[in-house]
Amino acid sequence: MTSCWIARGPGRPGAHRLYLFPHAGGSAGEYLYWAKTIQQADPRAVQLPGRGTRLGEEPVHDLGKLVAGLAGTGEFTGEYSFFGHSFGSLLAYELTCALRDAGLPLPRRLVVSSAPAPHIRRTFFGAEGMDDDELLAAVQARHGGIPEEVLAYPEMRKMIATSLRADYTALETYSWPRHAPLPVPVTVLAGADEEMARGDGLAAWSEHTTAGAVTVRTFPGGHFYLRGDGAPVVRETLGSLL
């Protein structure tokens, strides 16, 4: 089955499927490069409307609509796991809840990265009301990670700002629906230099699973610690499944 929601790496029949949920403003292509160094898995990256191969579509500003679109693909069957980074962590969590509520197969593991537990109140900056320059500056000040070559070209600035506005609006309008804990093991990752790595927001994911203790691991770096070679991150967190 094919879907515009999922971008696939090289076909690896029989390999454990690993679905990758990008950060706010991110696209599938940034995560599919992992396929070059992770031979044991079958990486499949989520492609949201308004970016990458779906650039011509209107971005979606509501997390519930994104979850509904993904849940309706028929993609999530058999043996698979989820990995979400930042905004992608919340999307992966909410999708797992939706699949559970629909009686569909659940991921063998939910790996969430650089994101506080869903019930914890987040602070934002009102992305919907910002112009492009204000939004890009606010995101860059908080997390960094926007390449200078992107900021240097007006067309690229417009493109990334549009995606960021959609995803941050989805985050800012999200209210945790008090889901029951999931029967899925949860692993939590973060960059050691992130502010959230020094608080309780990561360990609080333990309230959202009944499948044993949550493992929290940190890696050298900040919010985008996983850029470059993502293989060590995936091998350490999903090694028992691959």
C-alpha atoms as a PDB file:
ATOM      1  CA  MET A   1       0.000   0.000   0.000  1.00  0.00           C
ATOM      2  CA  THR A   2       1.311   3.453  -0.865  1.00  0.00           C
ATOM      3  CA  SER A   3       0.372   6.734   0.776  1.00  0.00           C
ATOM      4  CA  CYS A   4       1.401  10.344   0.298  1.00  0.00           C
ATOM      5  CA  TRP A   5       1.816  10.458   4.098  1.00  0.00           C
ATOM      6  CA  ILE A   6       4.770   8.051   4.103  1.00  0.00           C
ATOM      7  CA  ALA A   7       8.114   8.360   2.313  1.00  0.00           C
ATOM      8  CA  ARG A   8      10.030   5.110   2.057  1.00  0.00           C
ATOM      9  CA  GLY A   9      13.703   4.347   2.022  1.00  0.00           C
ATOM     10  CA  PRO A  10      15.205   1.408   0.110  1.00  0.00           C
ATOM     11  CA  GLY A  11      12.959  -1.623   0.306  1.00  0.00           C
ATOM     12  CA  ARG A  12      14.082  -4.159   2.892  1.00  0.00           C
ATOM     13  CA  PRO A  13      11.525  -6.990   2.951  1.00  0.00           C
ATOM     14  CA  GLY A  14      11.193  -8.535   6.377  1.00  0.00           C
ATOM     15  CA  ALA A  15      13.108  -5.775   8.194  1.00  0.00           C
ATOM     16  CA  HIS A  16      11.550  -4.090  11.214  1.00  0.00           C
ATOM     17  CA  ARG A  17       9.654  -0.995  10.040  1.00  0.00           C
ATOM     18  CA  LEU A  18      10.719   2.197  11.779  1.00  0.00           C
ATOM     19  CA  TYR A  19       8.393   5.175  11.236  1.00  0.00           C
ATOM     20  CA  LEU A  20      10.107   8.538  11.687  1.00  0.00           C
ATOM     21  CA  PHE A  21       8.112  11.634  12.691  1.00  0.00           C
ATOM     22  CA  PRO A  22       9.976  14.906  11.949  1.00  0.00           C
ATOM     23  CA  HIS A  23      10.371  17.990  14.109  1.00  0.00           C
ATOM     24  CA  ALA A  24       8.305  21.148  13.564  1.00  0.00           C
ATOM     25  CA  GLY A  25       8.920  22.468  10.079  1.00  0.00           C
ATOM     26  CA  GLY A  26      10.768  19.286   9.115  1.00  0.00           C
ATOM     27  CA  SER A  27      10.213  17.005   6.159  1.00  0.00           C
ATOM     28  CA  ALA A  28      10.648  13.305   5.501  1.00  0.00           C
ATOM     29  CA  GLY A  29      13.833  13.695   3.481  1.00  0.00           C
ATOM     30  CA  GLU A  30      15.827  14.865   6.503  1.00  0.00           C
ATOM     31  CA  TYR A  31      15.227  11.523   8.226  1.00  0.00           C
ATOM     32  CA  LEU A  32      15.393   9.115   5.311  1.00  0.00           C
ATOM     33  CA  TYR A  33      19.160   9.598   5.091  1.00  0.00           C
ATOM     34  CA  TRP A  34      19.279   7.287   8.127  1.00  0.00           C
ATOM     35  CA  ALA A  35      18.488   4.487   5.690  1.00  0.00           C
ATOM     36  CA  LYS A  36      22.079   4.696   4.455  1.00  0.00           C
ATOM     37  CA  THR A  37      23.519   3.693   7.813  1.00  0.00           C
ATOM     38  CA  ILE A  38      20.756   1.559   9.342  1.00  0.00           C
ATOM     39  CA  GLN A  39      20.804  -1.628   7.337  1.00  0.00           C
ATOM     40  CA  GLN A  40      18.783  -3.680   9.826  1.00  0.00           C
ATOM     41  CA  ALA A  41      15.637  -1.531   9.687  1.00  0.00           C
ATOM     42  CA  ASP A  42      13.153  -0.388   7.080  1.00  0.00           C
ATOM     43  CA  PRO A  43      12.935   3.400   7.704  1.00  0.00           C
ATOM     44  CA  ARG A  44       9.733   5.137   6.650  1.00  0.00           C
ATOM     45  CA  ALA A  45       9.403   8.868   7.277  1.00  0.00           C
ATOM     46  CA  VAL A  46       6.173  10.779   7.769  1.00  0.00           C
ATOM     47  CA  GLN A  47       5.604  13.477   5.135  1.00  0.00           C
ATOM     48  CA  LEU A  48       3.180  16.171   6.273  1.00  0.00           C
ATOM     49  CA  PRO A  49       1.189  18.381   3.875  1.00  0.00           C
ATOM     50  CA  GLY A  50       2.933  21.501   2.633  1.00  0.00           C
ATOM     51  CA  ARG A  51       6.502  20.210   2.407  1.00  0.00           C
ATOM     52  CA  GLY A  52       8.705  17.856   0.425  1.00  0.00           C
ATOM     53  CA  THR A  53       6.725  15.843  -2.091  1.00  0.00           C
ATOM     54  CA  ARG A  54       3.527  17.461  -0.752  1.00  0.00           C
ATOM     55  CA  LEU A  55       4.703  21.034  -1.156  1.00  0.00           C
ATOM     56  CA  GLY A  56       1.698  21.952  -3.300  1.00  0.00           C
ATOM     57  CA  GLU A  57      -0.773  21.048  -0.530  1.00  0.00           C
ATOM     58  CA  GLU A  58      -2.072  23.376   2.155  1.00  0.00           C
ATOM     59  CA  PRO A  59      -0.317  22.853   5.508  1.00  0.00           C
ATOM     60  CA  VAL A  60      -2.455  21.503   8.356  1.00  0.00           C
ATOM     61  CA  HIS A  61      -2.583  23.584  11.551  1.00  0.00           C
ATOM     62  CA  ASP A  62      -4.418  21.044  13.723  1.00  0.00           C
ATOM     63  CA  LEU A  63      -2.811  18.010  15.357  1.00  0.00           C
ATOM     64  CA  GLY A  64      -6.061  16.036  15.382  1.00  0.00           C
ATOM     65  CA  LYS A  65      -6.391  16.349  11.601  1.00  0.00           C
ATOM     66  CA  LEU A  66      -2.821  15.161  11.115  1.00  0.00           C
ATOM     67  CA  VAL A  67      -3.479  12.137  13.331  1.00  0.00           C
ATOM     68  CA  ALA A  68      -6.693  11.314  11.475  1.00  0.00           C
ATOM     69  CA  GLY A  69      -4.924  11.507   8.127  1.00  0.00           C
ATOM     70  CA  LEU A  70      -2.151   9.184   9.253  1.00  0.00           C
ATOM     71  CA  ALA A  71      -4.471   6.743  11.010  1.00  0.00           C
ATOM     72  CA  GLY A  72      -6.517   6.404   7.819  1.00  0.00           C
ATOM     73  CA  THR A  73      -3.603   5.277   5.651  1.00  0.00           C
ATOM     74  CA  GLY A  74      -3.843   1.592   6.598  1.00  0.00           C
ATOM     75  CA  GLU A  75      -0.053   1.683   6.904  1.00  0.00           C
ATOM     76  CA  PHE A  76       0.365   0.569  10.504  1.00  0.00           C
ATOM     77  CA  THR A  77       0.053  -3.208  10.583  1.00  0.00           C
ATOM     78  CA  GLY A  78       2.284  -6.055  11.707  1.00  0.00           C
ATOM     79  CA  GLU A  79       5.595  -5.370  13.472  1.00  0.00           C
ATOM     80  CA  TYR A  80       6.820  -1.772  13.585  1.00  0.00           C
ATOM     81  CA  SER A  81       8.048   0.999  15.905  1.00  0.00           C
ATOM     82  CA  PHE A  82       7.712   4.797  16.102  1.00  0.00           C
ATOM     83  CA  PHE A  83      10.450   7.407  16.501  1.00  0.00           C
ATOM     84  CA  GLY A  84       9.405  11.045  16.872  1.00  0.00           C
ATOM     85  CA  HIS A  85      11.609  14.083  17.347  1.00  0.00           C
ATOM     86  CA  SER A  86      10.250  17.190  19.135  1.00  0.00           C
ATOM     87  CA  PHE A  87       6.884  17.981  17.474  1.00  0.00           C
ATOM     88  CA  GLY A  88       7.089  14.534  15.915  1.00  0.00           C
ATOM     89  CA  SER A  89       7.102  12.961  19.386  1.00  0.00           C
ATOM     90  CA  LEU A  90       3.687  14.378  20.205  1.00  0.00           C
ATOM     91  CA  LEU A  91       2.346  13.376  16.800  1.00  0.00           C
ATOM     92  CA  ALA A  92       3.654   9.821  17.225  1.00  0.00           C
ATOM     93  CA  TYR A  93       2.158   9.608  20.721  1.00  0.00           C
ATOM     94  CA  GLU A  94      -1.268  10.856  19.615  1.00  0.00           C
ATOM     95  CA  LEU A  95      -1.255   8.500  16.624  1.00  0.00           C
ATOM     96  CA  THR A  96      -0.444   5.577  18.917  1.00  0.00           C
ATOM     97  CA  CYS A  97      -3.418   6.539  21.101  1.00  0.00           C
ATOM     98  CA  ALA A  98      -5.672   6.745  18.039  1.00  0.00           C
ATOM     99  CA  LEU A  99      -4.539   3.338  16.800  1.00  0.00           C
ATOM    100  CA  ARG A 100      -5.163   1.858  20.262  1.00  0.00           C
ATOM    101  CA  ASP A 101      -8.654   3.362  20.385  1.00  0.00           C
ATOM    102  CA  ALA A 102      -9.418   1.928  16.930  1.00  0.00           C
ATOM    103  CA  GLY A 103      -8.279  -1.554  17.949  1.00  0.00           C
ATOM    104  CA  LEU A 104      -5.403  -1.547  15.432  1.00  0.00           C
ATOM    105  CA  PRO A 105      -1.908  -3.019  15.889  1.00  0.00           C
ATOM    106  CA  LEU A 106       0.329  -0.835  18.046  1.00  0.00           C
ATOM    107  CA  PRO A 107       4.032  -0.103  17.659  1.00  0.00           C
ATOM    108  CA  ARG A 108       6.365  -2.408  19.543  1.00  0.00           C
ATOM    109  CA  ARG A 109       8.097   0.656  20.950  1.00  0.00           C
ATOM    110  CA  LEU A 110       7.469   4.398  21.065  1.00  0.00           C
ATOM    111  CA  VAL A 111      10.697   6.420  21.060  1.00  0.00           C
ATOM    112  CA  VAL A 112      10.193  10.112  21.799  1.00  0.00           C
ATOM    113  CA  SER A 113      12.974  12.643  21.421  1.00  0.00           C
ATOM    114  CA  SER A 114      13.431  16.181  22.794  1.00  0.00           C
ATOM    115  CA  ALA A 115       9.826  16.534  23.903  1.00  0.00           C
ATOM    116  CA  PRO A 116       8.250  16.827  27.356  1.00  0.00           C
ATOM    117  CA  ALA A 117       5.447  14.460  28.332  1.00  0.00           C
ATOM    118  CA  PRO A 118       2.126  15.391  26.681  1.00  0.00           C
ATOM    119  CA  HIS A 119       0.366  16.402  29.889  1.00  0.00           C
ATOM    120  CA  ILE A 120       3.008  18.999  30.753  1.00  0.00           C
ATOM    121  CA  ARG A 121       2.123  22.570  29.887  1.00  0.00           C
ATOM    122  CA  ARG A 122       4.348  24.067  27.208  1.00  0.00           C
ATOM    123  CA  THR A 123       5.265  27.697  26.695  1.00  0.00           C
ATOM    124  CA  PHE A 124       5.153  29.157  23.202  1.00  0.00           C
ATOM    125  CA  PHE A 125       5.356  32.468  21.405  1.00  0.00           C
ATOM    126  CA  GLY A 126       2.132  32.798  19.367  1.00  0.00           C
ATOM    127  CA  ALA A 127       3.302  31.509  15.978  1.00  0.00           C
ATOM    128  CA  GLU A 128      -0.021  32.149  14.239  1.00  0.00           C
ATOM    129  CA  GLY A 129       0.243  35.892  14.802  1.00  0.00           C
ATOM    130  CA  MET A 130       3.897  36.286  13.793  1.00  0.00           C
ATOM    131  CA  ASP A 131       5.206  37.318  10.398  1.00  0.00           C
ATOM    132  CA  ASP A 132       7.828  35.108   8.768  1.00  0.00           C
ATOM    133  CA  ASP A 133      10.861  36.970  10.079  1.00  0.00           C
ATOM    134  CA  GLU A 134       9.548  37.061  13.646  1.00  0.00           C
ATOM    135  CA  LEU A 135       8.725  33.362  13.598  1.00  0.00           C
ATOM    136  CA  LEU A 136      12.073  32.298  12.167  1.00  0.00           C
ATOM    137  CA  ALA A 137      13.907  34.435  14.723  1.00  0.00           C
ATOM    138  CA  ALA A 138      11.858  33.016  17.607  1.00  0.00           C
ATOM    139  CA  VAL A 139      12.420  29.396  16.565  1.00  0.00           C
ATOM    140  CA  GLN A 140      16.113  29.971  15.919  1.00  0.00           C
ATOM    141  CA  ALA A 141      16.534  31.592  19.343  1.00  0.00           C
ATOM    142  CA  ARG A 142      14.801  28.702  21.105  1.00  0.00           C
ATOM    143  CA  HIS A 143      16.159  25.661  19.294  1.00  0.00           C
ATOM    144  CA  GLY A 144      18.551  26.767  16.558  1.00  0.00           C
ATOM    145  CA  GLY A 145      18.848  24.271  13.730  1.00  0.00           C
ATOM    146  CA  ILE A 146      17.707  26.407  10.785  1.00  0.00           C
ATOM    147  CA  PRO A 147      20.614  26.323   8.316  1.00  0.00           C
ATOM    148  CA  GLU A 148      22.096  29.680   7.331  1.00  0.00           C
ATOM    149  CA  GLU A 149      21.691  28.800   3.650  1.00  0.00           C
ATOM    150  CA  VAL A 150      17.945  28.538   4.228  1.00  0.00           C
ATOM    151  CA  LEU A 151      17.791  31.903   5.961  1.00  0.00           C
ATOM    152  CA  ALA A 152      19.771  33.520   3.141  1.00  0.00           C
ATOM    153  CA  TYR A 153      17.131  32.969   0.423  1.00  0.00           C
ATOM    154  CA  PRO A 154      13.660  34.606   0.553  1.00  0.00           C
ATOM    155  CA  GLU A 155      11.962  31.658  -1.152  1.00  0.00           C
ATOM    156  CA  MET A 156      13.412  29.205   1.346  1.00  0.00           C
ATOM    157  CA  ARG A 157      12.591  31.475   4.282  1.00  0.00           C
ATOM    158  CA  LYS A 158       8.971  31.628   3.151  1.00  0.00           C
ATOM    159  CA  MET A 159       8.780  27.866   2.700  1.00  0.00           C
ATOM    160  CA  ILE A 160      10.192  26.954   6.099  1.00  0.00           C
ATOM    161  CA  ALA A 161       8.223  29.674   7.897  1.00  0.00           C
ATOM    162  CA  THR A 162       4.982  28.331   6.423  1.00  0.00           C
ATOM    163  CA  SER A 163       5.737  24.810   7.676  1.00  0.00           C
ATOM    164  CA  LEU A 164       6.876  26.062  11.077  1.00  0.00           C
ATOM    165  CA  ARG A 165       3.745  28.171  11.506  1.00  0.00           C
ATOM    166  CA  ALA A 166       1.522  25.167  10.781  1.00  0.00           C
ATOM    167  CA  ASP A 167       3.326  22.860  13.207  1.00  0.00           C
ATOM    168  CA  TYR A 168       3.735  25.402  16.006  1.00  0.00           C
ATOM    169  CA  THR A 169       0.074  26.361  15.719  1.00  0.00           C
ATOM    170  CA  ALA A 170      -0.813  22.671  16.048  1.00  0.00           C
ATOM    171  CA  LEU A 171       1.355  22.533  19.179  1.00  0.00           C
ATOM    172  CA  GLU A 172       0.003  25.765  20.665  1.00  0.00           C
ATOM    173  CA  THR A 173      -3.631  24.715  20.222  1.00  0.00           C
ATOM    174  CA  TYR A 174      -3.061  21.178  21.556  1.00  0.00           C
ATOM    175  CA  SER A 175      -4.695  20.169  24.814  1.00  0.00           C
ATOM    176  CA  TRP A 176      -3.918  16.738  26.225  1.00  0.00           C
ATOM    177  CA  PRO A 177      -7.153  14.685  26.090  1.00  0.00           C
ATOM    178  CA  ARG A 178      -6.285  12.651  29.215  1.00  0.00           C
ATOM    179  CA  HIS A 179      -5.641   9.454  27.313  1.00  0.00           C
ATOM    180  CA  ALA A 180      -5.246   6.264  29.307  1.00  0.00           C
ATOM    181  CA  PRO A 181      -1.636   5.037  29.513  1.00  0.00           C
ATOM    182  CA  LEU A 182      -0.460   3.025  26.531  1.00  0.00           C
ATOM    183  CA  PRO A 183       0.522  -0.674  26.700  1.00  0.00           C
ATOM    184  CA  VAL A 184       3.639   0.217  24.712  1.00  0.00           C
ATOM    185  CA  PRO A 185       7.242   0.538  25.992  1.00  0.00           C
ATOM    186  CA  VAL A 186       8.501   4.142  25.854  1.00  0.00           C
ATOM    187  CA  THR A 187      12.076   5.330  25.429  1.00  0.00           C
ATOM    188  CA  VAL A 188      12.840   9.033  25.893  1.00  0.00           C
ATOM    189  CA  LEU A 189      15.835  10.789  24.323  1.00  0.00           C
ATOM    190  CA  ALA A 190      17.230  14.318  24.435  1.00  0.00           C
ATOM    191  CA  GLY A 191      20.356  16.339  23.869  1.00  0.00           C
ATOM    192  CA  ALA A 192      22.329  16.731  27.088  1.00  0.00           C
ATOM    193  CA  ASP A 193      22.523  20.508  26.576  1.00  0.00           C
ATOM    194  CA  GLU A 194      18.760  20.991  26.247  1.00  0.00           C
ATOM    195  CA  GLU A 195      16.966  22.770  29.065  1.00  0.00           C
ATOM    196  CA  MET A 196      14.336  20.027  29.205  1.00  0.00           C
ATOM    197  CA  ALA A 197      17.046  17.464  29.945  1.00  0.00           C
ATOM    198  CA  ARG A 198      17.554  19.168  33.317  1.00  0.00           C
ATOM    199  CA  GLY A 199      13.909  19.071  34.423  1.00  0.00           C
ATOM    200  CA  ASP A 200      11.238  16.442  35.054  1.00  0.00           C
ATOM    201  CA  GLY A 201       9.487  16.695  31.687  1.00  0.00           C
ATOM    202  CA  LEU A 202      11.270  13.721  30.159  1.00  0.00           C
ATOM    203  CA  ALA A 203      10.841  11.330  33.084  1.00  0.00           C
ATOM    204  CA  ALA A 204       7.147  12.308  33.230  1.00  0.00           C
ATOM    205  CA  TRP A 205       6.568  10.169  30.141  1.00  0.00           C
ATOM    206  CA  SER A 206       6.372   7.303  32.669  1.00  0.00           C
ATOM    207  CA  GLU A 207       2.778   8.354  33.328  1.00  0.00           C
ATOM    208  CA  HIS A 208       1.841   7.406  29.750  1.00  0.00           C
ATOM    209  CA  THR A 209       2.802   3.741  29.617  1.00  0.00           C
ATOM    210  CA  THR A 210       1.906   0.565  31.490  1.00  0.00           C
ATOM    211  CA  ALA A 211       4.709  -1.400  29.790  1.00  0.00           C
ATOM    212  CA  GLY A 212       7.411  -1.049  32.412  1.00  0.00           C
ATOM    213  CA  ALA A 213       9.840   1.659  33.359  1.00  0.00           C
ATOM    214  CA  VAL A 214      10.588   4.431  30.893  1.00  0.00           C
ATOM    215  CA  THR A 215      14.206   4.654  29.783  1.00  0.00           C
ATOM    216  CA  VAL A 216      15.606   8.196  29.536  1.00  0.00           C
ATOM    217  CA  ARG A 217      18.864   8.682  27.621  1.00  0.00           C
ATOM    218  CA  THR A 218      20.771  11.815  26.689  1.00  0.00           C
ATOM    219  CA  PHE A 219      23.288  12.334  23.906  1.00  0.00           C
ATOM    220  CA  PRO A 220      25.937  15.031  23.440  1.00  0.00           C
ATOM    221  CA  GLY A 221      24.530  18.200  21.896  1.00  0.00           C
ATOM    222  CA  GLY A 222      21.438  20.363  21.947  1.00  0.00           C
ATOM    223  CA  HIS A 223      17.955  20.092  20.479  1.00  0.00           C
ATOM    224  CA  PHE A 224      19.244  18.745  17.163  1.00  0.00           C
ATOM    225  CA  TYR A 225      21.734  16.312  18.694  1.00  0.00           C
ATOM    226  CA  LEU A 226      20.658  13.636  16.197  1.00  0.00           C
ATOM    227  CA  ARG A 227      21.722  15.483  13.068  1.00  0.00           C
ATOM    228  CA  GLY A 228      24.544  13.903  11.154  1.00  0.00           C
ATOM    229  CA  ASP A 229      24.550  10.191  11.839  1.00  0.00           C
ATOM    230  CA  GLY A 230      21.317   9.019  13.433  1.00  0.00           C
ATOM    231  CA  ALA A 231      22.404   5.389  13.471  1.00  0.00           C
ATOM    232  CA  PRO A 232      23.840   5.398  17.027  1.00  0.00           C
ATOM    233  CA  VAL A 233      20.592   6.840  18.352  1.00  0.00           C
ATOM    234  CA  VAL A 234      18.472   4.222  16.632  1.00  0.00           C
ATOM    235  CA  ARG A 235      20.784   1.318  17.436  1.00  0.00           C
ATOM    236  CA  GLU A 236      20.892   2.182  21.134  1.00  0.00           C
ATOM    237  CA  THR A 237      17.139   2.626  21.515  1.00  0.00           C
ATOM    238  CA  LEU A 238      15.805  -0.032  19.136  1.00  0.00           C
ATOM    239  CA  GLY A 239      18.658  -2.509  19.184  1.00  0.00           C
ATOM    240  CA  SER A 240      16.584  -5.267  20.762  1.00  0.00           C
ATOM    241  CA  LEU A 241      14.039  -4.978  17.965  1.00  0.00           C
ATOM    242  CA  LEU A 242      16.355  -4.839  14.945  1.00  0.00           C
END
